[in-house]
């Protein structure tokens, strides 16, 4: 894990970002990185810091899910408190570590709203609280935080304007602009990472679709582990 939870003197659990984490180690979507490299250095650095902050939160949940053990109510409450504490520090502009201070500097300088992080945290807590997505609609709601929120930051940075020496936000709705590309990319990544995710105990296929193609999660794991896929898996994809 690239960050962990620590306790302060006030016993309030907080997120501790490790600023020496390698950006290349956590970059799992090189397409965005390739696109962002055409920007000026300061805008590209803003992308790197924002992406890192979101990637680390996402990895926290993936690492917990990969244990294969059910998340207890006490654990879920702990994760919720920790993420809420971190978000509240962002709202109050009271960082608890150097990385969050840098993130706040960037969100202020580039006029980046906080809602993408709020939606990401909400999606991650939802993922911890469920064993599966009951329907494709529930999965799409999850992507609002897991996929659309990070992409919205990218779209925000794409649309920033300099007018008479002043930074102005995009003229378009960054959430609406990000949605189709983000959902499409997320679906492609789920299919691309099918074997890796199944090996890690992660399943993003909704129960509604599994039932439609008469598939079970254990069968998906067998196919991912080397069992020859059949028409049902092709139909699911």
Protein backbone atom coordinates (compact mmCIF):
# COMPACT_ATOMS: atom_id res chain seq x y z
CA UNK A 1 0.00 0.00 0.00
CA UNK A 2 1.20 3.51 -0.74
CA UNK A 3 -0.45 5.12 2.26
CA UNK A 4 -1.73 3.94 5.58
CA UNK A 5 -3.85 5.12 8.46
CA UNK A 6 -2.18 6.61 11.49
CA UNK A 7 -3.36 7.89 14.85
CA UNK A 8 -2.63 11.43 16.02
CA UNK A 9 -2.30 12.61 19.60
CA UNK A 10 -6.03 13.30 19.53
CA UNK A 11 -6.66 9.66 18.54
CA UNK A 12 -8.42 10.80 15.36
CA UNK A 13 -7.63 8.38 12.54
CA UNK A 14 -6.28 10.11 9.45
CA UNK A 15 -4.94 9.27 6.03
CA UNK A 16 -1.17 9.47 5.77
CA UNK A 17 -0.02 9.91 2.18
CA UNK A 18 3.55 8.83 1.53
CA UNK A 19 4.98 11.52 -0.68
CA UNK A 20 7.90 9.37 -1.81
CA UNK A 21 5.61 6.98 -3.69
CA UNK A 22 6.63 6.54 -7.31
CA UNK A 23 4.09 8.03 -9.70
CA UNK A 24 5.01 5.42 -12.30
CA UNK A 25 4.30 2.64 -9.80
CA UNK A 26 0.70 3.73 -9.29
CA UNK A 27 -0.14 4.89 -12.80
CA UNK A 28 -2.49 2.23 -14.14
CA UNK A 29 -4.02 4.27 -16.94
CA UNK A 30 -1.12 5.39 -19.16
CA UNK A 31 -3.50 6.82 -21.77
CA UNK A 32 -4.32 9.73 -19.47
CA UNK A 33 -0.65 10.23 -18.71
CA UNK A 34 0.24 10.31 -22.41
CA UNK A 35 -2.50 12.87 -23.04
CA UNK A 36 -1.53 15.01 -20.05
CA UNK A 37 2.11 15.23 -21.14
CA UNK A 38 1.18 17.73 -23.86
CA UNK A 39 0.30 20.27 -21.17
CA UNK A 40 2.62 22.81 -19.59
CA UNK A 41 4.63 21.40 -16.70
CA UNK A 42 2.52 22.98 -13.96
CA UNK A 43 -0.72 21.58 -15.36
CA UNK A 44 0.83 18.15 -15.85
CA UNK A 45 2.09 18.20 -12.26
CA UNK A 46 -1.43 19.07 -11.10
CA UNK A 47 -2.70 16.00 -12.95
CA UNK A 48 -0.03 13.83 -11.33
CA UNK A 49 -0.83 14.94 -7.79
CA UNK A 50 -4.61 14.68 -8.22
CA UNK A 51 -4.35 11.28 -9.87
CA UNK A 52 -2.03 10.01 -7.15
CA UNK A 53 -4.41 11.06 -4.39
CA UNK A 54 -7.30 9.21 -6.02
CA UNK A 55 -5.26 6.16 -6.94
CA UNK A 56 -4.12 5.72 -3.36
CA UNK A 57 -7.67 5.86 -2.00
CA UNK A 58 -8.78 3.32 -4.61
CA UNK A 59 -5.83 1.05 -3.82
CA UNK A 60 -6.73 1.12 -0.14
CA UNK A 61 -10.08 -0.50 -0.92
CA UNK A 62 -8.68 -2.92 -3.50
CA UNK A 63 -6.06 -4.11 -1.02
CA UNK A 64 -8.74 -4.76 1.60
CA UNK A 65 -11.03 -6.52 -0.88
CA UNK A 66 -8.17 -8.70 -2.07
CA UNK A 67 -7.96 -10.35 1.36
CA UNK A 68 -11.17 -12.19 0.50
CA UNK A 69 -12.51 -11.68 4.02
CA UNK A 70 -15.89 -10.04 4.68
CA UNK A 71 -15.70 -6.43 5.85
CA UNK A 72 -17.18 -6.08 9.32
CA UNK A 73 -19.46 -3.23 10.34
CA UNK A 74 -16.76 -1.97 12.68
CA UNK A 75 -14.20 -1.96 9.87
CA UNK A 76 -16.58 -0.17 7.54
CA UNK A 77 -17.28 2.46 10.19
CA UNK A 78 -13.53 2.93 10.62
CA UNK A 79 -12.96 3.43 6.90
CA UNK A 80 -15.89 5.86 6.74
CA UNK A 81 -14.56 7.91 9.65
CA UNK A 82 -11.07 8.05 8.19
CA UNK A 83 -12.21 9.14 4.76
CA UNK A 84 -14.68 11.63 6.25
CA UNK A 85 -11.92 13.10 8.42
CA UNK A 86 -9.67 13.51 5.40
CA UNK A 87 -12.43 15.12 3.32
CA UNK A 88 -13.29 17.47 6.18
CA UNK A 89 -9.66 18.52 6.36
CA UNK A 90 -9.81 19.29 2.64
CA UNK A 91 -12.99 21.34 3.08
CA UNK A 92 -11.54 23.31 5.98
CA UNK A 93 -8.20 23.61 4.20
CA UNK A 94 -6.48 22.08 7.21
CA UNK A 95 -4.06 19.47 5.83
CA UNK A 96 -2.54 16.87 8.14
CA UNK A 97 0.44 16.06 5.95
CA UNK A 98 2.63 17.51 3.24
CA UNK A 99 0.96 15.67 0.38
CA UNK A 100 -2.52 16.93 1.30
CA UNK A 101 -1.10 20.44 1.64
CA UNK A 102 0.27 20.15 -1.91
CA UNK A 103 -3.05 18.79 -3.14
CA UNK A 104 -4.88 21.74 -1.58
CA UNK A 105 -2.46 24.18 -3.18
CA UNK A 106 -3.15 22.62 -6.56
CA UNK A 107 -6.94 22.46 -6.20
CA UNK A 108 -6.92 26.14 -5.22
CA UNK A 109 -4.56 27.21 -8.00
CA UNK A 110 -6.40 25.26 -10.69
CA UNK A 111 -9.93 25.85 -9.34
CA UNK A 112 -10.57 22.10 -9.03
CA UNK A 113 -13.78 21.32 -7.10
CA UNK A 114 -13.84 18.84 -4.21
CA UNK A 115 -16.83 16.81 -5.37
CA UNK A 116 -14.75 14.28 -7.39
CA UNK A 117 -13.01 13.17 -4.18
CA UNK A 118 -16.31 13.12 -2.31
CA UNK A 119 -17.85 10.85 -4.94
CA UNK A 120 -14.77 8.66 -5.08
CA UNK A 121 -14.85 8.11 -1.32
CA UNK A 122 -18.58 7.37 -1.47
CA UNK A 123 -18.00 4.79 -4.20
CA UNK A 124 -15.15 3.15 -2.30
CA UNK A 125 -17.28 2.84 0.85
CA UNK A 126 -20.07 1.33 -1.24
CA UNK A 127 -17.63 -1.21 -2.66
CA UNK A 128 -16.53 -2.18 0.85
CA UNK A 129 -20.12 -2.54 2.03
CA UNK A 130 -21.35 -4.91 -0.68
CA UNK A 131 -20.48 -8.41 -1.84
CA UNK A 132 -21.55 -7.73 -5.41
CA UNK A 133 -23.36 -5.27 -7.64
CA UNK A 134 -27.00 -6.41 -7.82
CA UNK A 135 -27.67 -4.70 -11.15
CA UNK A 136 -25.96 -2.88 -13.98
CA UNK A 137 -27.64 0.31 -12.75
CA UNK A 138 -25.99 -0.08 -9.34
CA UNK A 139 -22.67 -0.57 -11.13
CA UNK A 140 -23.22 2.62 -13.16
CA UNK A 141 -23.93 4.54 -9.96
CA UNK A 142 -20.67 3.20 -8.55
CA UNK A 143 -18.78 4.45 -11.61
CA UNK A 144 -19.86 8.01 -10.75
CA UNK A 145 -17.13 7.94 -8.14
CA UNK A 146 -14.82 5.17 -9.31
CA UNK A 147 -14.45 6.29 -12.93
CA UNK A 148 -16.28 9.51 -13.77
CA UNK A 149 -14.91 11.51 -10.83
CA UNK A 150 -11.22 10.99 -11.75
CA UNK A 151 -11.98 11.60 -15.42
CA UNK A 152 -13.82 14.81 -14.54
CA UNK A 153 -10.63 16.21 -13.02
CA UNK A 154 -8.82 15.43 -16.27
CA UNK A 155 -11.60 17.16 -18.25
CA UNK A 156 -11.40 20.12 -15.87
CA UNK A 157 -7.68 20.51 -16.51
CA UNK A 158 -8.32 20.19 -20.25
CA UNK A 159 -10.76 23.09 -20.21
CA UNK A 160 -8.97 25.61 -18.00
CA UNK A 161 -8.54 29.00 -19.65
CA UNK A 162 -6.25 31.96 -19.09
CA UNK A 163 -8.17 35.21 -19.65
CA UNK A 164 -6.29 38.47 -19.12
CA UNK A 165 -3.87 36.71 -16.82
CA UNK A 166 -6.59 35.10 -14.72
CA UNK A 167 -7.38 31.37 -14.57
CA UNK A 168 -10.98 30.61 -15.50
CA UNK A 169 -12.80 27.25 -15.17
CA UNK A 170 -14.06 25.28 -18.19
CA UNK A 171 -17.18 26.54 -19.92
CA UNK A 172 -18.65 23.01 -20.01
CA UNK A 173 -19.96 20.60 -17.36
CA UNK A 174 -16.90 18.46 -16.58
CA UNK A 175 -19.02 15.62 -15.18
CA UNK A 176 -21.15 15.37 -18.28
CA UNK A 177 -18.10 15.67 -20.51
CA UNK A 178 -16.28 12.90 -18.66
CA UNK A 179 -19.12 10.37 -18.30
CA UNK A 180 -19.24 8.57 -21.69
CA UNK A 181 -15.47 8.23 -22.07
CA UNK A 182 -14.98 7.27 -18.42
CA UNK A 183 -17.65 4.57 -18.40
CA UNK A 184 -16.46 3.15 -21.72
CA UNK A 185 -12.85 3.05 -20.52
CA UNK A 186 -13.86 1.50 -17.21
CA UNK A 187 -15.76 -1.31 -18.94
CA UNK A 188 -12.79 -1.97 -21.23
CA UNK A 189 -10.43 -2.06 -18.24
CA UNK A 190 -12.67 -4.54 -16.41
CA UNK A 191 -12.48 -6.89 -19.37
CA UNK A 192 -8.76 -6.27 -19.81
CA UNK A 193 -8.04 -6.92 -16.13
CA UNK A 194 -10.41 -9.89 -15.84
CA UNK A 195 -7.73 -12.42 -14.90
CA UNK A 196 -5.83 -10.09 -12.57
CA UNK A 197 -8.98 -8.95 -10.76
CA UNK A 198 -10.33 -12.46 -10.33
CA UNK A 199 -6.98 -13.62 -8.97
CA UNK A 200 -7.15 -10.75 -6.47
CA UNK A 201 -10.70 -11.63 -5.43
CA UNK A 202 -12.27 -8.63 -7.16
CA UNK A 203 -15.49 -8.98 -9.16
CA UNK A 204 -17.12 -6.08 -10.99
CA UNK A 205 -19.71 -8.05 -12.99
CA UNK A 206 -23.25 -7.34 -11.73
CA UNK A 207 -25.41 -10.22 -10.53
CA UNK A 208 -28.05 -9.21 -13.07
CA UNK A 209 -25.67 -9.92 -15.96
CA UNK A 210 -24.24 -13.08 -14.40
CA UNK A 211 -27.76 -14.48 -14.07
CA UNK A 212 -28.55 -13.50 -17.64
CA UNK A 213 -25.66 -15.62 -18.92
CA UNK A 214 -26.06 -18.37 -16.31
CA UNK A 215 -22.67 -17.67 -14.74
CA UNK A 216 -21.40 -17.73 -11.17
CA UNK A 217 -18.41 -15.97 -9.62
CA UNK A 218 -16.64 -19.30 -8.91
CA UNK A 219 -17.00 -20.18 -12.60
CA UNK A 220 -15.51 -16.82 -13.56
CA UNK A 221 -12.55 -17.49 -11.29
CA UNK A 222 -12.00 -20.90 -12.89
CA UNK A 223 -12.05 -19.37 -16.37
CA UNK A 224 -9.69 -16.60 -15.28
CA UNK A 225 -7.30 -19.17 -13.81
CA UNK A 226 -6.96 -21.01 -17.10
CA UNK A 227 -10.19 -22.89 -17.68
CA UNK A 228 -11.16 -22.48 -21.32
CA UNK A 229 -13.80 -19.73 -21.58
CA UNK A 230 -17.10 -20.64 -23.17
CA UNK A 231 -19.83 -18.73 -24.94
CA UNK A 232 -21.29 -17.52 -21.67
CA UNK A 233 -18.18 -15.50 -20.85
CA UNK A 234 -18.03 -14.13 -24.38
CA UNK A 235 -21.68 -13.14 -24.06
CA UNK A 236 -20.99 -11.45 -20.73
CA UNK A 237 -18.13 -9.47 -22.24
